[in-house]
Amino acid sequence: MDSQRVARVGEVLRYELSELVRLRVKDPRLGFVTITHVEVSADLRHAKVHVSSLGTPEEASRSIEVLSGAAGFLRSELFKRVRLRFIPELSFKIDRSIEHSVRISQVLRELKDESERRES
């Protein structure tokens, strides 16, 4: 399948899932989450939903469990909103890229501070 189409489907699913999680998923165990990226398989049958979560790793894991439990509901809602022959099976993964970026920035800042101290 055309990779541009797969990418567009991923973006549509990311937008729609973000809206559904924000407006329709009412589970109190769900923390503050953001759908950062959706990887769709070439046959459009499977989608890995990358989720960023504020809070502790335990809260992030709990949020993933809640979203996994709501996958059937989310798929049925996507069916109503998105015109696709098949709505992909959803699997949710924790996206640690934001944490990774923060850690890299912190290390770079520490290196810069150390370099400035040496020059002084």
N, C-alpha and C. Protein backbone atom coordinates (compact mmCIF):
# COMPACT_ATOMS: atom_id res chain seq x y z
N MET A 1 0.84 -1.17 0.00
CA MET A 1 0.00 0.00 0.00
C MET A 1 0.89 1.24 0.00
N ASP A 2 0.39 2.32 -0.53
CA ASP A 2 1.10 3.58 -0.62
C ASP A 2 1.48 4.09 0.76
N SER A 3 2.76 4.37 0.96
CA SER A 3 3.22 4.79 2.29
C SER A 3 2.64 6.15 2.68
N GLN A 4 2.36 7.00 1.71
CA GLN A 4 1.73 8.28 2.04
C GLN A 4 0.32 8.06 2.58
N ARG A 5 -0.39 7.12 2.02
CA ARG A 5 -1.75 6.84 2.50
C ARG A 5 -1.69 6.28 3.92
N VAL A 6 -0.76 5.38 4.17
CA VAL A 6 -0.59 4.81 5.51
C VAL A 6 -0.28 5.92 6.51
N ALA A 7 0.58 6.85 6.13
CA ALA A 7 0.93 7.97 7.02
C ALA A 7 -0.28 8.86 7.26
N ARG A 8 -1.08 9.13 6.23
CA ARG A 8 -2.29 9.96 6.39
C ARG A 8 -3.29 9.28 7.30
N VAL A 9 -3.47 7.98 7.12
CA VAL A 9 -4.39 7.22 7.98
C VAL A 9 -3.91 7.30 9.43
N GLY A 10 -2.59 7.17 9.64
CA GLY A 10 -2.03 7.29 10.98
C GLY A 10 -2.33 8.64 11.61
N GLU A 11 -2.20 9.71 10.83
CA GLU A 11 -2.47 11.04 11.35
C GLU A 11 -3.96 11.24 11.67
N VAL A 12 -4.81 10.72 10.81
CA VAL A 12 -6.26 10.82 11.07
C VAL A 12 -6.60 10.05 12.34
N LEU A 13 -6.05 8.85 12.48
CA LEU A 13 -6.32 8.06 13.68
C LEU A 13 -5.78 8.77 14.92
N ARG A 14 -4.58 9.38 14.83
CA ARG A 14 -4.02 10.10 15.97
C ARG A 14 -4.94 11.23 16.41
N TYR A 15 -5.44 12.00 15.43
CA TYR A 15 -6.34 13.11 15.75
C TYR A 15 -7.63 12.61 16.38
N GLU A 16 -8.25 11.63 15.75
CA GLU A 16 -9.54 11.14 16.24
C GLU A 16 -9.40 10.46 17.60
N LEU A 17 -8.34 9.68 17.79
CA LEU A 17 -8.12 9.05 19.10
C LEU A 17 -7.88 10.09 20.18
N SER A 18 -7.14 11.14 19.84
CA SER A 18 -6.91 12.22 20.81
C SER A 18 -8.23 12.83 21.25
N GLU A 19 -9.09 13.09 20.30
CA GLU A 19 -10.40 13.66 20.63
C GLU A 19 -11.24 12.70 21.46
N LEU A 20 -11.24 11.43 21.08
CA LEU A 20 -12.02 10.44 21.81
C LEU A 20 -11.53 10.28 23.25
N VAL A 21 -10.21 10.22 23.42
CA VAL A 21 -9.65 10.07 24.77
C VAL A 21 -9.99 11.30 25.60
N ARG A 22 -9.90 12.46 24.98
CA ARG A 22 -10.17 13.71 25.71
C ARG A 22 -11.64 13.86 26.09
N LEU A 23 -12.52 13.48 25.18
CA LEU A 23 -13.94 13.77 25.38
C LEU A 23 -14.80 12.58 25.81
N ARG A 24 -14.43 11.37 25.44
CA ARG A 24 -15.34 10.25 25.65
C ARG A 24 -14.89 9.21 26.66
N VAL A 25 -13.58 9.08 26.89
CA VAL A 25 -13.09 8.09 27.86
C VAL A 25 -13.16 8.74 29.23
N LYS A 26 -14.00 8.22 30.09
CA LYS A 26 -14.27 8.85 31.39
C LYS A 26 -13.76 8.04 32.57
N ASP A 27 -12.79 7.18 32.35
CA ASP A 27 -12.26 6.35 33.43
C ASP A 27 -11.37 7.20 34.34
N PRO A 28 -11.67 7.24 35.65
CA PRO A 28 -10.87 8.07 36.56
C PRO A 28 -9.43 7.59 36.73
N ARG A 29 -9.14 6.36 36.36
CA ARG A 29 -7.77 5.84 36.45
C ARG A 29 -6.87 6.36 35.34
N LEU A 30 -7.48 6.93 34.31
CA LEU A 30 -6.73 7.45 33.17
C LEU A 30 -6.10 8.78 33.56
N GLY A 31 -4.77 8.82 33.49
CA GLY A 31 -4.05 10.05 33.81
C GLY A 31 -4.10 11.01 32.63
N PHE A 32 -3.29 12.06 32.73
CA PHE A 32 -3.19 13.02 31.65
C PHE A 32 -2.32 12.41 30.56
N VAL A 33 -2.94 12.03 29.44
CA VAL A 33 -2.22 11.37 28.36
C VAL A 33 -2.35 12.17 27.06
N THR A 34 -1.36 11.98 26.21
CA THR A 34 -1.35 12.59 24.88
C THR A 34 -1.01 11.50 23.87
N ILE A 35 -1.80 11.43 22.82
CA ILE A 35 -1.51 10.50 21.73
C ILE A 35 -0.45 11.21 20.86
N THR A 36 0.77 10.68 20.85
CA THR A 36 1.85 11.36 20.15
C THR A 36 2.03 10.88 18.72
N HIS A 37 1.74 9.62 18.47
CA HIS A 37 2.00 9.06 17.14
C HIS A 37 1.21 7.77 16.99
N VAL A 38 0.79 7.49 15.77
CA VAL A 38 0.12 6.21 15.48
C VAL A 38 0.84 5.58 14.29
N GLU A 39 1.39 4.40 14.51
CA GLU A 39 2.03 3.62 13.45
C GLU A 39 1.02 2.63 12.91
N VAL A 40 0.71 2.72 11.64
CA VAL A 40 -0.27 1.83 11.02
C VAL A 40 0.47 0.85 10.12
N SER A 41 0.08 -0.42 10.18
CA SER A 41 0.69 -1.42 9.31
C SER A 41 0.30 -1.15 7.86
N ALA A 42 1.08 -1.69 6.95
CA ALA A 42 0.86 -1.46 5.52
C ALA A 42 -0.52 -1.92 5.06
N ASP A 43 -1.05 -2.97 5.70
CA ASP A 43 -2.37 -3.47 5.30
C ASP A 43 -3.51 -2.78 6.07
N LEU A 44 -3.18 -1.82 6.91
CA LEU A 44 -4.14 -1.02 7.70
C LEU A 44 -4.95 -1.87 8.69
N ARG A 45 -4.42 -3.02 9.07
CA ARG A 45 -5.14 -3.90 10.00
C ARG A 45 -4.71 -3.71 11.46
N HIS A 46 -3.52 -3.15 11.67
CA HIS A 46 -3.00 -2.99 13.03
C HIS A 46 -2.44 -1.58 13.19
N ALA A 47 -2.60 -1.04 14.38
CA ALA A 47 -2.06 0.29 14.68
C ALA A 47 -1.45 0.29 16.06
N LYS A 48 -0.21 0.76 16.15
CA LYS A 48 0.46 0.97 17.43
C LYS A 48 0.26 2.43 17.80
N VAL A 49 -0.40 2.64 18.92
CA VAL A 49 -0.70 3.99 19.37
C VAL A 49 0.31 4.35 20.45
N HIS A 50 1.14 5.36 20.17
CA HIS A 50 2.16 5.80 21.12
C HIS A 50 1.56 6.89 22.01
N VAL A 51 1.66 6.66 23.31
CA VAL A 51 1.01 7.53 24.29
C VAL A 51 2.05 8.10 25.24
N SER A 52 2.02 9.41 25.41
CA SER A 52 2.86 10.07 26.39
C SER A 52 1.99 10.38 27.60
N SER A 53 2.55 10.17 28.79
CA SER A 53 1.76 10.36 30.00
C SER A 53 2.56 11.16 31.02
N LEU A 54 1.91 12.13 31.63
CA LEU A 54 2.53 12.85 32.72
C LEU A 54 2.34 12.04 33.99
N GLY A 55 3.33 12.07 34.85
CA GLY A 55 3.21 11.34 36.10
C GLY A 55 4.26 10.27 36.22
N THR A 56 4.07 9.43 37.21
CA THR A 56 5.03 8.37 37.50
C THR A 56 4.91 7.24 36.48
N PRO A 57 5.93 6.38 36.39
CA PRO A 57 5.84 5.23 35.50
C PRO A 57 4.65 4.32 35.83
N GLU A 58 4.30 4.22 37.11
CA GLU A 58 3.14 3.40 37.50
C GLU A 58 1.85 4.01 36.95
N GLU A 59 1.73 5.33 37.00
CA GLU A 59 0.54 5.99 36.46
C GLU A 59 0.48 5.83 34.94
N ALA A 60 1.62 5.89 34.28
CA ALA A 60 1.66 5.70 32.83
C ALA A 60 1.22 4.28 32.48
N SER A 61 1.71 3.28 33.23
CA SER A 61 1.30 1.89 32.99
C SER A 61 -0.19 1.71 33.21
N ARG A 62 -0.72 2.33 34.25
CA ARG A 62 -2.15 2.25 34.53
C ARG A 62 -2.95 2.88 33.38
N SER A 63 -2.46 4.00 32.86
CA SER A 63 -3.15 4.66 31.74
C SER A 63 -3.16 3.76 30.50
N ILE A 64 -2.04 3.07 30.25
CA ILE A 64 -1.97 2.15 29.12
C ILE A 64 -2.97 1.01 29.31
N GLU A 65 -3.08 0.50 30.53
CA GLU A 65 -4.05 -0.56 30.82
C GLU A 65 -5.47 -0.08 30.56
N VAL A 66 -5.78 1.15 31.00
CA VAL A 66 -7.11 1.71 30.79
C VAL A 66 -7.40 1.84 29.30
N LEU A 67 -6.44 2.37 28.55
CA LEU A 67 -6.64 2.54 27.11
C LEU A 67 -6.77 1.19 26.41
N SER A 68 -5.98 0.22 26.83
CA SER A 68 -6.08 -1.12 26.24
C SER A 68 -7.45 -1.73 26.52
N GLY A 69 -7.96 -1.49 27.72
CA GLY A 69 -9.29 -1.98 28.06
C GLY A 69 -10.39 -1.28 27.27
N ALA A 70 -10.13 -0.05 26.87
CA ALA A 70 -11.13 0.72 26.12
C ALA A 70 -10.94 0.58 24.61
N ALA A 71 -10.04 -0.28 24.17
CA ALA A 71 -9.72 -0.41 22.74
C ALA A 71 -10.96 -0.75 21.91
N GLY A 72 -11.79 -1.64 22.39
CA GLY A 72 -13.01 -2.00 21.65
C GLY A 72 -13.94 -0.81 21.50
N PHE A 73 -14.14 -0.07 22.58
CA PHE A 73 -14.97 1.14 22.53
C PHE A 73 -14.36 2.15 21.55
N LEU A 74 -13.05 2.35 21.63
CA LEU A 74 -12.39 3.32 20.75
C LEU A 74 -12.51 2.90 19.29
N ARG A 75 -12.37 1.62 19.00
CA ARG A 75 -12.51 1.15 17.62
C ARG A 75 -13.93 1.37 17.11
N SER A 76 -14.92 1.11 17.96
CA SER A 76 -16.31 1.31 17.51
C SER A 76 -16.58 2.79 17.26
N GLU A 77 -16.02 3.66 18.08
CA GLU A 77 -16.18 5.10 17.87
C GLU A 77 -15.43 5.56 16.62
N LEU A 78 -14.25 4.99 16.38
CA LEU A 78 -13.51 5.33 15.17
C LEU A 78 -14.29 4.91 13.92
N PHE A 79 -14.97 3.78 14.01
CA PHE A 79 -15.77 3.30 12.88
C PHE A 79 -16.83 4.33 12.49
N LYS A 80 -17.38 5.02 13.49
CA LYS A 80 -18.40 6.04 13.24
C LYS A 80 -17.80 7.32 12.65
N ARG A 81 -16.52 7.58 12.94
CA ARG A 81 -15.91 8.86 12.57
C ARG A 81 -15.03 8.79 11.32
N VAL A 82 -14.44 7.63 11.05
CA VAL A 82 -13.45 7.52 9.98
C VAL A 82 -13.97 6.57 8.90
N ARG A 83 -13.83 7.00 7.66
CA ARG A 83 -14.31 6.17 6.55
C ARG A 83 -13.19 5.25 6.07
N LEU A 84 -13.11 4.10 6.70
CA LEU A 84 -12.18 3.05 6.29
C LEU A 84 -12.95 1.74 6.22
N ARG A 85 -12.51 0.86 5.35
CA ARG A 85 -13.15 -0.45 5.26
C ARG A 85 -12.98 -1.22 6.57
N PHE A 86 -11.77 -1.16 7.12
CA PHE A 86 -11.47 -1.83 8.38
C PHE A 86 -10.86 -0.83 9.34
N ILE A 87 -11.30 -0.87 10.57
CA ILE A 87 -10.65 -0.07 11.61
C ILE A 87 -9.57 -0.97 12.20
N PRO A 88 -8.33 -0.49 12.28
CA PRO A 88 -7.25 -1.34 12.75
C PRO A 88 -7.39 -1.76 14.21
N GLU A 89 -6.81 -2.91 14.52
CA GLU A 89 -6.68 -3.33 15.92
C GLU A 89 -5.72 -2.36 16.58
N LEU A 90 -6.07 -1.90 17.76
CA LEU A 90 -5.26 -0.90 18.45
C LEU A 90 -4.43 -1.54 19.54
N SER A 91 -3.14 -1.21 19.57
CA SER A 91 -2.30 -1.59 20.70
C SER A 91 -1.62 -0.31 21.18
N PHE A 92 -1.57 -0.15 22.48
CA PHE A 92 -1.07 1.08 23.09
C PHE A 92 0.31 0.85 23.68
N LYS A 93 1.21 1.79 23.41
CA LYS A 93 2.59 1.73 23.90
C LYS A 93 2.94 3.06 24.55
N ILE A 94 3.75 2.99 25.60
CA ILE A 94 4.21 4.22 26.25
C ILE A 94 5.28 4.84 25.37
N ASP A 95 5.13 6.14 25.11
CA ASP A 95 6.10 6.89 24.32
C ASP A 95 7.02 7.64 25.29
N ARG A 96 8.26 7.26 25.31
CA ARG A 96 9.22 7.87 26.23
C ARG A 96 10.09 8.91 25.53
N SER A 97 9.74 9.33 24.34
CA SER A 97 10.57 10.27 23.60
C SER A 97 10.67 11.63 24.29
N ILE A 98 9.60 12.08 24.92
CA ILE A 98 9.65 13.37 25.61
C ILE A 98 10.59 13.28 26.80
N GLU A 99 10.48 12.21 27.58
CA GLU A 99 11.39 12.01 28.71
C GLU A 99 12.84 11.94 28.23
N HIS A 100 13.04 11.27 27.12
CA HIS A 100 14.38 11.13 26.55
C HIS A 100 14.92 12.51 26.13
N SER A 101 14.09 13.32 25.50
CA SER A 101 14.50 14.66 25.09
C SER A 101 14.86 15.52 26.29
N VAL A 102 14.07 15.44 27.34
CA VAL A 102 14.35 16.21 28.55
C VAL A 102 15.69 15.78 29.14
N ARG A 103 15.94 14.48 29.18
CA ARG A 103 17.20 13.97 29.73
C ARG A 103 18.39 14.44 28.89
N ILE A 104 18.27 14.43 27.57
CA ILE A 104 19.34 14.91 26.71
C ILE A 104 19.61 16.38 26.96
N SER A 105 18.55 17.17 27.07
CA SER A 105 18.71 18.60 27.36
C SER A 105 19.40 18.82 28.69
N GLN A 106 19.03 18.04 29.68
CA GLN A 106 19.64 18.14 31.00
C GLN A 106 21.14 17.83 30.93
N VAL A 107 21.51 16.77 30.25
CA VAL A 107 22.92 16.40 30.13
C VAL A 107 23.70 17.48 29.39
N LEU A 108 23.12 18.01 28.31
CA LEU A 108 23.79 19.07 27.56
C LEU A 108 23.98 20.32 28.42
N ARG A 109 22.97 20.66 29.21
CA ARG A 109 23.06 21.81 30.11
C ARG A 109 24.17 21.60 31.13
N GLU A 110 24.25 20.39 31.70
CA GLU A 110 25.29 20.08 32.68
C GLU A 110 26.68 20.16 32.04
N LEU A 111 26.83 19.67 30.81
CA LEU A 111 28.11 19.76 30.12
C LEU A 111 28.50 21.20 29.86
N LYS A 112 27.54 22.01 29.48
CA LYS A 112 27.81 23.43 29.22
C LYS A 112 28.24 24.12 30.51
N ASP A 113 27.54 23.87 31.61
CA ASP A 113 27.89 24.47 32.90
C ASP A 113 29.29 24.04 33.31
N GLU A 114 29.62 22.77 33.14
CA GLU A 114 30.94 22.26 33.51
C GLU A 114 32.02 22.92 32.65
N SER A 115 31.75 23.07 31.36
CA SER A 115 32.69 23.71 30.46
C SER A 115 32.92 25.17 30.84
N GLU A 116 31.86 25.88 31.22
CA GLU A 116 31.99 27.28 31.65
C GLU A 116 32.78 27.38 32.95
N ARG A 117 32.60 26.45 33.85
CA ARG A 117 33.35 26.45 35.12
C ARG A 117 34.84 26.24 34.85
N ARG A 118 35.17 25.38 33.91
CA ARG A 118 36.57 25.13 33.58
C ARG A 118 37.24 26.35 32.98
N GLU A 119 36.47 27.09 32.17
CA GLU A 119 37.02 28.28 31.53
C GLU A 119 37.23 29.43 32.52
N SER A 120 36.48 29.43 33.60
CA SER A 120 36.58 30.51 34.58
C SER A 120 37.81 30.44 35.43
